[in-house]
Amino acid sequence: MIRKIYNILLIVLFLPNILFAKSEFLKDGINLFNKNKFQDAKFKFEQDILFNPKSELSYLYLSKIFKKQDKKELEEQNLNTVMLLNPKNEEAIYNLAKLKLIASDFETSKKLNKKLMSICNNFCNKSEKLKIEIENLSKE
């Protein structure tokens, strides 16, 4: 009985610290990313994902880091994960469409942009410009 009370007491004391640490990893990662400290930011986002495997923002920022490092395959993997977690994440859809366009995958880029246009709130202008870019490049 005493052991049970002791275990409950430990959980009550340490759970808030663990929950606080989880949110701090994401916040620290974003701060480091904004300071162009990409390796340190990457580590923080990975820590956040360990505690919160559904951290859409951490995956999105990881994709941005890999974009800056020109690691297209890792960028795409993280964008796909964001879209699995939230199929309506406009930034992920847009970035993946741009990535596919760079890879000359016009059909996929067009499909992604069409999806973006159907749900857009913040990326409507970018989506329109991307549509024109896809059309122009696919003609060449």
Protein backbone atom coordinates (compact mmCIF):
# COMPACT_ATOMS: atom_id res chain seq x y z
CA MET A 1 0.00 0.00 0.00
CA ILE A 2 2.78 2.41 0.91
CA ARG A 3 4.62 1.51 -2.29
CA LYS A 4 1.51 2.30 -4.33
CA ILE A 5 1.17 5.71 -2.68
CA TYR A 6 4.88 6.34 -3.25
CA ASN A 7 4.54 5.54 -6.99
CA ILE A 8 1.51 7.80 -7.36
CA LEU A 9 3.36 10.59 -5.56
CA LEU A 10 6.34 10.22 -7.92
CA ILE A 11 4.08 10.42 -10.96
CA VAL A 12 2.30 13.50 -9.64
CA LEU A 13 5.61 15.22 -8.90
CA PHE A 14 7.41 14.43 -12.16
CA LEU A 15 4.61 14.43 -14.75
CA PRO A 16 4.35 18.26 -14.93
CA ASN A 17 8.13 18.47 -15.49
CA ILE A 18 7.98 15.95 -18.32
CA LEU A 19 5.02 17.74 -19.95
CA PHE A 20 6.82 21.08 -19.62
CA ALA A 21 9.99 19.61 -21.15
CA LYS A 22 8.01 18.34 -24.15
CA SER A 23 6.71 21.77 -25.04
CA GLU A 24 10.14 23.32 -24.43
CA PHE A 25 11.82 21.09 -27.03
CA LEU A 26 9.59 22.46 -29.80
CA LYS A 27 9.92 26.04 -28.61
CA ASP A 28 13.71 25.74 -28.29
CA GLY A 29 13.89 24.11 -31.73
CA ILE A 30 11.99 26.97 -33.35
CA ASN A 31 14.23 29.54 -31.63
CA LEU A 32 17.36 27.73 -32.79
CA PHE A 33 15.97 27.38 -36.32
CA ASN A 34 15.31 31.13 -36.45
CA LYS A 35 18.94 31.69 -35.44
CA ASN A 36 20.09 29.39 -38.30
CA LYS A 37 21.47 26.84 -35.82
CA PHE A 38 20.07 23.97 -37.80
CA GLN A 39 21.92 21.05 -36.21
CA ASP A 40 20.91 22.13 -32.70
CA ALA A 41 17.36 22.81 -33.87
CA LYS A 42 17.20 19.40 -35.54
CA PHE A 43 18.16 17.76 -32.26
CA LYS A 44 15.42 19.66 -30.38
CA PHE A 45 12.76 18.72 -32.93
CA GLU A 46 13.84 15.09 -32.74
CA GLN A 47 13.58 15.26 -28.94
CA ASP A 48 10.09 16.70 -29.26
CA ILE A 49 9.10 13.85 -31.59
CA LEU A 50 10.33 11.31 -29.03
CA PHE A 51 7.86 12.69 -26.49
CA ASN A 52 5.17 13.55 -29.02
CA PRO A 53 5.31 11.36 -32.15
CA LYS A 54 2.42 13.34 -33.66
CA SER A 55 4.24 16.67 -33.49
CA GLU A 56 3.25 18.07 -36.85
CA LEU A 57 5.31 21.24 -36.35
CA SER A 58 8.49 19.34 -35.50
CA TYR A 59 8.24 17.32 -38.70
CA LEU A 60 7.52 20.48 -40.68
CA TYR A 61 10.57 22.24 -39.26
CA LEU A 62 12.72 19.16 -39.88
CA SER A 63 11.64 19.32 -43.53
CA LYS A 64 12.71 22.98 -43.62
CA ILE A 65 16.10 22.10 -42.17
CA PHE A 66 16.61 19.36 -44.75
CA LYS A 67 15.57 21.78 -47.48
CA LYS A 68 18.29 24.19 -46.38
CA GLN A 69 20.76 21.30 -46.30
CA ASP A 70 19.63 20.21 -49.78
CA LYS A 71 18.62 16.76 -48.53
CA LYS A 72 15.56 16.35 -50.72
CA GLU A 73 14.76 12.76 -49.75
CA LEU A 74 14.67 13.59 -46.02
CA GLU A 75 12.74 16.77 -46.74
CA GLU A 76 10.14 14.76 -48.63
CA GLN A 77 9.89 12.11 -45.91
CA ASN A 78 9.15 14.74 -43.29
CA LEU A 79 6.63 16.55 -45.49
CA ASN A 80 4.85 13.26 -46.11
CA THR A 81 4.74 12.67 -42.35
CA VAL A 82 3.23 16.11 -41.80
CA MET A 83 0.58 15.31 -44.40
CA LEU A 84 -0.19 11.99 -42.72
CA LEU A 85 -0.70 13.80 -39.43
CA ASN A 86 -2.65 16.64 -41.01
CA PRO A 87 -3.73 16.19 -44.64
CA LYS A 88 -4.77 19.85 -44.73
CA ASN A 89 -1.45 21.38 -43.75
CA GLU A 90 -1.14 23.97 -46.49
CA GLU A 91 2.55 24.65 -46.01
CA ALA A 92 3.44 20.95 -46.26
CA ILE A 93 1.30 20.49 -49.37
CA TYR A 94 2.81 23.57 -51.00
CA ASN A 95 6.40 22.60 -50.12
CA LEU A 96 5.88 19.06 -51.36
CA ALA A 97 4.35 20.35 -54.61
CA LYS A 98 7.39 22.62 -55.10
CA LEU A 99 9.72 19.72 -54.34
CA LYS A 100 7.95 17.54 -56.91
CA LEU A 101 8.11 20.37 -59.44
CA ILE A 102 11.89 20.66 -58.95
CA ALA A 103 12.10 16.90 -59.55
CA SER A 104 10.12 17.39 -62.80
CA ASP A 105 7.25 15.32 -61.44
CA PHE A 106 4.66 17.62 -62.98
CA GLU A 107 1.66 15.32 -62.47
CA THR A 108 2.19 14.93 -58.74
CA SER A 109 2.95 18.61 -58.37
CA LYS A 110 -0.25 19.46 -60.23
CA LYS A 111 -2.32 17.08 -58.05
CA LEU A 112 -0.86 18.50 -54.86
CA ASN A 113 -1.47 22.05 -56.01
CA LYS A 114 -5.06 21.17 -56.94
CA LYS A 115 -5.53 19.79 -53.43
CA LEU A 116 -4.00 22.96 -51.99
CA MET A 117 -6.32 25.16 -54.05
CA SER A 118 -9.36 23.28 -52.75
CA ILE A 119 -8.48 23.91 -49.09
CA CYS A 120 -6.33 27.03 -49.11
CA ASN A 121 -6.69 29.80 -46.58
CA ASN A 122 -3.14 31.11 -46.25
CA PHE A 123 -1.45 29.76 -49.36
CA CYS A 124 -3.99 30.75 -52.05
CA ASN A 125 -1.72 33.30 -53.74
CA LYS A 126 1.24 30.94 -53.64
CA SER A 127 -0.92 28.19 -55.05
CA GLU A 128 -2.00 30.37 -57.99
CA LYS A 129 1.63 31.24 -58.74
CA LEU A 130 2.61 27.58 -58.46
CA LYS A 131 -0.13 26.64 -60.92
CA ILE A 132 1.35 29.01 -63.50
CA GLU A 133 4.87 27.75 -62.76
CA ILE A 134 3.77 24.12 -63.24
CA GLU A 135 2.06 24.94 -66.52
CA ASN A 136 5.06 26.85 -67.84
CA LEU A 137 7.59 24.20 -66.87
CA SER A 138 5.50 21.28 -68.10
CA LYS A 139 5.35 22.88 -71.58
CA GLU A 140 9.13 22.96 -71.92
